[in-house]
Amino acid sequence: MKSPFRLHWKLDGKLVVPCDDFLEWARWYETADRVVKQTKVGPLDVSTVFIGLDHNFFQHGDRPLVFETMVFGTQAKSDFDEGYTNRYSTWEEAEAGHAAAVAWAEAVVNKAKAKLCPSPQRLSTVTSTGTLKS
């Protein structure tokens, strides 16, 4: 039997716990440090945070989707015209998902650089640390 759907969740350290009282959740959410990780990749920002609201709307299972990774800085009709969003149930999944998003962002930036600067002599590879590899 499936568990009842719970919308609000909070963190106890890195552990996700349900919160059935909206005001308790709101007070917690207001001051909580919800950032898992943030990384700059060229002009893109990769952000993974605890969102505290279960986005597993249709499954209503025991695994709430309460962490979210997004890549910001992509703009329509540009060489960065791609989007990225993914959600997770645990802190550990969110950390792994963040690493995957950083790799995706590096590939997007390097693909755009290759389009803008096709000469191998002038092309450098961008990494999440901001370093350039020739």
Protein backbone atom coordinates (compact mmCIF):
# COMPACT_ATOMS: atom_id res chain seq x y z
CA MET A 1 0.00 0.00 0.00
CA LYS A 2 1.30 3.42 -0.92
CA SER A 3 1.98 6.05 1.71
CA PRO A 4 -0.24 9.12 1.78
CA PHE A 5 1.01 12.03 -0.32
CA ARG A 6 2.90 14.59 1.76
CA LEU A 7 3.66 17.91 0.14
CA HIS A 8 5.98 19.52 2.72
CA TRP A 9 9.37 18.12 3.71
CA LYS A 10 12.33 19.50 5.61
CA LEU A 11 15.90 18.50 6.37
CA ASP A 12 17.27 17.07 9.59
CA GLY A 13 20.94 17.44 8.72
CA LYS A 14 21.01 15.75 5.31
CA LEU A 15 18.06 13.47 6.07
CA VAL A 16 14.69 14.27 4.45
CA VAL A 17 11.79 14.18 6.94
CA PRO A 18 8.07 14.83 6.40
CA CYS A 19 6.45 17.91 7.91
CA ASP A 20 2.67 17.83 8.22
CA ASP A 21 2.33 21.27 9.81
CA PHE A 22 2.50 24.02 7.17
CA LEU A 23 3.47 26.81 9.60
CA GLU A 24 6.24 24.71 11.11
CA TRP A 25 7.52 23.97 7.59
CA ALA A 26 7.30 27.64 6.55
CA ARG A 27 9.24 28.80 9.62
CA TRP A 28 11.91 26.17 8.95
CA TYR A 29 12.08 26.94 5.22
CA GLU A 30 12.52 30.67 5.81
CA THR A 31 15.92 30.27 7.47
CA ALA A 32 17.16 26.85 6.38
CA ASP A 33 20.39 26.41 4.45
CA ARG A 34 18.98 24.44 1.52
CA VAL A 35 21.91 24.64 -0.90
CA VAL A 36 23.48 21.30 -1.76
CA LYS A 37 25.99 22.75 -4.22
CA GLN A 38 26.44 25.58 -6.73
CA THR A 39 28.98 25.56 -9.54
CA LYS A 40 29.88 28.09 -12.23
CA VAL A 41 30.68 26.60 -15.66
CA GLY A 42 31.64 29.35 -18.10
CA PRO A 43 28.52 31.54 -18.39
CA LEU A 44 26.30 28.86 -16.83
CA ASP A 45 25.33 28.38 -13.20
CA VAL A 46 24.58 24.88 -11.94
CA SER A 47 22.48 24.95 -8.78
CA THR A 48 21.28 22.04 -6.64
CA VAL A 49 18.99 22.84 -3.73
CA PHE A 50 16.50 21.25 -1.37
CA ILE A 51 13.10 22.56 -2.52
CA GLY A 52 11.08 21.14 0.39
CA LEU A 53 7.99 20.44 -1.74
CA ASP A 54 7.39 16.99 -3.15
CA HIS A 55 7.36 17.23 -6.94
CA ASN A 56 6.51 13.54 -7.31
CA PHE A 57 2.88 14.57 -7.88
CA PHE A 58 1.74 11.61 -9.94
CA GLN A 59 3.55 8.73 -8.26
CA HIS A 60 2.59 9.51 -4.65
CA GLY A 61 5.20 7.01 -3.54
CA ASP A 62 7.59 6.71 -0.67
CA ARG A 63 10.30 8.64 -2.54
CA PRO A 64 9.44 12.33 -2.59
CA LEU A 65 11.26 14.42 -5.19
CA VAL A 66 12.46 17.25 -2.95
CA PHE A 67 15.88 18.20 -4.34
CA GLU A 68 16.30 19.99 -7.64
CA THR A 69 19.20 20.71 -9.96
CA MET A 70 18.85 23.42 -12.58
CA VAL A 71 21.26 25.05 -14.98
CA PHE A 72 20.82 28.80 -15.38
CA GLY A 73 22.28 31.11 -17.96
CA THR A 74 20.96 29.40 -21.03
CA GLN A 75 19.26 31.82 -23.39
CA ALA A 76 16.86 31.13 -26.21
CA LYS A 77 18.26 31.43 -29.73
CA SER A 78 21.87 31.24 -28.64
CA ASP A 79 24.61 28.64 -28.64
CA PHE A 80 23.51 27.78 -25.08
CA ASP A 81 19.90 27.10 -26.16
CA GLU A 82 19.39 24.04 -23.98
CA GLY A 83 17.79 23.58 -20.59
CA TYR A 84 18.41 21.27 -17.66
CA THR A 85 16.28 20.33 -14.66
CA ASN A 86 16.35 17.16 -12.61
CA ARG A 87 14.92 16.14 -9.23
CA TYR A 88 15.98 13.68 -6.55
CA SER A 89 14.83 12.09 -3.30
CA THR A 90 18.00 12.11 -1.18
CA TRP A 91 20.94 14.39 -0.47
CA GLU A 92 23.33 11.78 -1.90
CA GLU A 93 21.32 11.51 -5.14
CA ALA A 94 21.30 15.32 -5.35
CA GLU A 95 25.11 15.45 -5.02
CA ALA A 96 25.51 12.84 -7.77
CA GLY A 97 22.93 14.64 -9.91
CA HIS A 98 24.80 17.91 -9.45
CA ALA A 99 28.00 16.30 -10.72
CA ALA A 100 26.10 14.99 -13.76
CA ALA A 101 24.67 18.47 -14.41
CA VAL A 102 28.14 20.03 -14.19
CA ALA A 103 29.39 17.52 -16.78
CA TRP A 104 26.37 18.37 -18.98
CA ALA A 105 27.05 22.11 -18.62
CA GLU A 106 30.73 21.63 -19.50
CA ALA A 107 29.69 19.76 -22.65
CA VAL A 108 27.23 22.52 -23.60
CA VAL A 109 29.84 25.25 -23.11
CA ASN A 110 32.48 23.33 -25.02
CA LYS A 111 30.03 22.60 -27.85
CA ALA A 112 29.24 26.31 -28.10
CA LYS A 113 32.94 27.20 -28.01
CA ALA A 114 33.57 24.74 -30.86
CA LYS A 115 30.84 26.45 -32.92
CA LEU A 116 32.21 29.91 -32.18
CA CYS A 117 35.87 29.01 -32.50
CA PRO A 118 36.34 25.94 -34.69
CA SER A 119 40.11 26.26 -35.05
CA PRO A 120 41.79 23.60 -32.84
CA GLN A 121 44.68 25.97 -32.11
CA ARG A 122 42.32 28.53 -30.53
CA LEU A 123 39.92 26.11 -28.81
CA SER A 124 40.21 25.53 -25.09
CA THR A 125 38.00 23.30 -22.98
CA VAL A 126 36.11 24.85 -20.05
CA THR A 127 35.85 22.92 -16.80
CA SER A 128 33.72 23.63 -13.74
CA THR A 129 36.74 25.02 -11.91
CA GLY A 130 37.01 27.71 -14.56
CA THR A 131 40.26 26.31 -15.87
CA LEU A 132 40.95 25.99 -19.54
CA LYS A 133 42.39 22.84 -21.05
CA SER A 134 44.04 23.18 -24.43
